[in-house]
């Protein structure tokens, strides 16, 4: 059975890694990154909650009539 010739494996692997590196560099360089975002205002606007519009009565256990 013939021996496997591994003398070219180093060059093939090295060229494959370099090719992948170049391809990824080209892909990344074509990507458009957004500009610096503007800082948002930290003042929060009060949003009315649905339960704040209605009148609700909370019964405390101590104020309930004795049974």
N, C-alpha and C. Protein backbone atom coordinates (compact mmCIF):
# COMPACT_ATOMS: atom_id res chain seq x y z
N UNK A 1 0.85 -1.18 0.00
CA UNK A 1 0.00 0.00 0.00
C UNK A 1 0.89 1.24 0.00
N UNK A 2 0.60 2.19 -0.91
CA UNK A 2 1.48 3.36 -1.02
C UNK A 2 1.33 4.31 0.17
N UNK A 3 2.38 5.01 0.47
CA UNK A 3 2.38 5.98 1.55
C UNK A 3 1.69 7.26 1.08
N UNK A 4 1.00 7.92 2.02
CA UNK A 4 0.32 9.18 1.72
C UNK A 4 1.35 10.30 1.69
N UNK A 5 1.36 11.05 0.60
CA UNK A 5 2.33 12.14 0.45
C UNK A 5 1.81 13.38 1.19
N UNK A 6 2.45 13.74 2.28
CA UNK A 6 2.01 14.89 3.08
C UNK A 6 2.93 16.09 2.92
N UNK A 7 3.78 16.07 1.94
CA UNK A 7 4.74 17.16 1.79
C UNK A 7 4.09 18.48 1.39
N UNK A 8 2.92 18.44 0.74
CA UNK A 8 2.29 19.69 0.28
C UNK A 8 1.20 20.17 1.24
N UNK A 9 0.94 19.43 2.29
CA UNK A 9 -0.14 19.81 3.19
C UNK A 9 0.12 21.15 3.85
N UNK A 10 1.33 21.42 4.25
CA UNK A 10 1.63 22.69 4.93
C UNK A 10 1.31 23.88 4.03
N UNK A 11 1.72 23.81 2.77
CA UNK A 11 1.47 24.92 1.82
C UNK A 11 -0.03 25.06 1.57
N UNK A 12 -0.72 23.94 1.45
CA UNK A 12 -2.17 24.00 1.18
C UNK A 12 -2.91 24.61 2.37
N UNK A 13 -2.58 24.17 3.56
CA UNK A 13 -3.25 24.70 4.75
C UNK A 13 -2.92 26.17 4.95
N UNK A 14 -1.67 26.53 4.75
CA UNK A 14 -1.28 27.93 4.90
C UNK A 14 -1.98 28.82 3.89
N UNK A 15 -2.05 28.38 2.64
CA UNK A 15 -2.72 29.19 1.62
C UNK A 15 -4.23 29.27 1.89
N UNK A 16 -4.83 28.20 2.42
CA UNK A 16 -6.25 28.23 2.75
C UNK A 16 -6.53 29.24 3.86
N UNK A 17 -5.68 29.26 4.88
CA UNK A 17 -5.87 30.21 5.99
C UNK A 17 -5.70 31.64 5.50
N UNK A 18 -4.70 31.88 4.67
CA UNK A 18 -4.50 33.24 4.13
C UNK A 18 -5.68 33.66 3.26
N UNK A 19 -6.19 32.74 2.44
CA UNK A 19 -7.33 33.07 1.58
C UNK A 19 -8.56 33.39 2.41
N UNK A 20 -8.82 32.59 3.45
CA UNK A 20 -9.96 32.88 4.32
C UNK A 20 -9.81 34.23 5.02
N UNK A 21 -8.61 34.54 5.46
CA UNK A 21 -8.36 35.82 6.11
C UNK A 21 -8.65 36.97 5.14
N UNK A 22 -8.18 36.85 3.91
CA UNK A 22 -8.38 37.92 2.92
C UNK A 22 -9.86 38.06 2.58
N UNK A 23 -10.55 36.94 2.43
CA UNK A 23 -11.99 37.00 2.10
C UNK A 23 -12.76 37.67 3.23
N UNK A 24 -12.46 37.31 4.48
CA UNK A 24 -13.17 37.93 5.60
C UNK A 24 -12.82 39.41 5.73
N UNK A 25 -11.58 39.77 5.46
CA UNK A 25 -11.22 41.18 5.50
C UNK A 25 -11.99 41.97 4.45
N UNK A 26 -12.14 41.41 3.27
CA UNK A 26 -12.90 42.10 2.22
C UNK A 26 -14.37 42.21 2.59
N UNK A 27 -14.92 41.17 3.19
CA UNK A 27 -16.33 41.23 3.60
C UNK A 27 -16.54 42.28 4.68
N UNK A 28 -15.64 42.33 5.65
CA UNK A 28 -15.78 43.29 6.74
C UNK A 28 -15.58 44.72 6.23
N UNK A 29 -14.67 44.91 5.30
CA UNK A 29 -14.40 46.27 4.83
C UNK A 29 -15.56 46.83 4.02
N UNK A 30 -16.41 45.98 3.44
CA UNK A 30 -17.55 46.46 2.66
C UNK A 30 -18.77 46.73 3.53
N UNK A 31 -18.70 46.34 4.79
CA UNK A 31 -19.83 46.54 5.70
C UNK A 31 -19.90 48.01 6.10
N UNK A 32 -21.09 48.59 6.03
CA UNK A 32 -21.29 49.99 6.41
C UNK A 32 -21.69 50.05 7.88
N UNK A 33 -20.86 50.67 8.67
CA UNK A 33 -21.15 50.82 10.09
C UNK A 33 -21.90 52.13 10.31
N UNK A 34 -22.87 52.14 11.23
CA UNK A 34 -23.59 53.40 11.50
C UNK A 34 -22.69 54.39 12.21
N UNK A 35 -23.04 55.66 12.08
CA UNK A 35 -22.26 56.70 12.73
C UNK A 35 -22.46 56.67 14.23
N UNK A 36 -21.82 57.59 14.90
CA UNK A 36 -21.95 57.66 16.36
C UNK A 36 -23.39 58.02 16.71
N UNK A 37 -24.03 57.28 17.58
CA UNK A 37 -25.42 57.60 17.95
C UNK A 37 -25.48 58.85 18.81
N UNK A 38 -26.54 59.57 18.65
CA UNK A 38 -26.75 60.76 19.45
C UNK A 38 -27.23 60.34 20.84
N UNK A 39 -26.76 61.02 21.89
CA UNK A 39 -27.24 60.66 23.23
C UNK A 39 -28.72 60.99 23.38
N UNK A 40 -29.46 60.05 23.95
CA UNK A 40 -30.89 60.26 24.13
C UNK A 40 -31.14 61.06 25.40
N UNK A 41 -32.25 61.75 25.40
CA UNK A 41 -32.64 62.49 26.58
C UNK A 41 -33.02 61.51 27.68
N UNK A 42 -32.55 61.78 28.89
CA UNK A 42 -32.85 60.87 30.00
C UNK A 42 -34.14 61.24 30.70
N UNK A 43 -34.79 62.32 30.28
CA UNK A 43 -36.05 62.72 30.88
C UNK A 43 -37.13 61.78 30.37
N UNK A 44 -37.79 61.10 31.31
CA UNK A 44 -38.83 60.15 30.91
C UNK A 44 -40.18 60.85 30.93
N UNK A 45 -40.96 60.60 29.89
CA UNK A 45 -42.30 61.15 29.84
C UNK A 45 -43.23 60.23 30.61
N UNK A 46 -44.14 60.85 31.37
CA UNK A 46 -45.06 60.06 32.19
C UNK A 46 -46.15 59.49 31.29
N UNK A 47 -46.21 58.19 31.23
CA UNK A 47 -47.25 57.51 30.46
C UNK A 47 -48.36 57.10 31.42
N UNK A 48 -49.58 57.53 31.16
CA UNK A 48 -50.66 57.12 32.08
C UNK A 48 -50.96 55.64 31.93
N UNK A 49 -51.02 54.96 33.05
CA UNK A 49 -51.36 53.55 33.05
C UNK A 49 -52.87 53.40 33.02
N UNK A 50 -53.39 52.35 32.44
CA UNK A 50 -54.86 52.20 32.37
C UNK A 50 -55.51 52.18 33.74
N UNK A 51 -54.81 51.62 34.75
CA UNK A 51 -55.43 51.55 36.06
C UNK A 51 -55.39 52.89 36.79
N UNK A 52 -54.60 53.84 36.29
CA UNK A 52 -54.58 55.15 36.94
C UNK A 52 -55.75 56.01 36.49
N UNK A 53 -56.37 55.66 35.36
CA UNK A 53 -57.50 56.44 34.88
C UNK A 53 -58.77 56.14 35.66
N UNK A 54 -58.87 54.94 36.21
CA UNK A 54 -60.08 54.52 36.90
C UNK A 54 -59.91 54.73 38.41
N UNK A 55 -61.05 54.94 39.05
CA UNK A 55 -61.04 55.06 40.50
C UNK A 55 -61.17 53.66 41.07
N UNK A 56 -60.26 53.32 41.91
CA UNK A 56 -60.34 52.01 42.55
C UNK A 56 -60.25 52.19 44.05
N UNK A 57 -60.97 51.37 44.75
CA UNK A 57 -60.95 51.43 46.21
C UNK A 57 -60.24 50.18 46.70
N UNK A 58 -59.26 50.38 47.55
CA UNK A 58 -58.51 49.27 48.11
C UNK A 58 -59.02 49.03 49.51
N UNK A 59 -59.45 47.82 49.76
CA UNK A 59 -59.96 47.48 51.07
C UNK A 59 -58.86 46.91 51.91
N UNK A 60 -58.61 47.54 53.03
CA UNK A 60 -57.62 47.02 53.96
C UNK A 60 -58.29 45.91 54.78
N UNK A 61 -57.59 44.85 55.12
CA UNK A 61 -58.20 43.78 55.92
C UNK A 61 -58.73 44.27 57.27
N UNK A 62 -58.12 45.31 57.80
CA UNK A 62 -58.55 45.83 59.09
C UNK A 62 -59.84 46.64 58.98
N UNK A 63 -60.14 47.17 57.81
CA UNK A 63 -61.33 47.98 57.67
C UNK A 63 -62.55 47.18 57.24
N UNK A 64 -62.38 45.89 56.96
CA UNK A 64 -63.52 45.06 56.59
C UNK A 64 -64.36 44.76 57.82
N UNK A 65 -65.64 44.58 57.63
CA UNK A 65 -66.47 44.26 58.81
C UNK A 65 -66.14 42.87 59.33
N UNK A 66 -66.29 42.73 60.64
CA UNK A 66 -66.00 41.43 61.25
C UNK A 66 -67.06 40.43 60.88
N UNK A 67 -66.64 39.22 60.69
CA UNK A 67 -67.61 38.20 60.28
C UNK A 67 -67.97 37.29 61.42
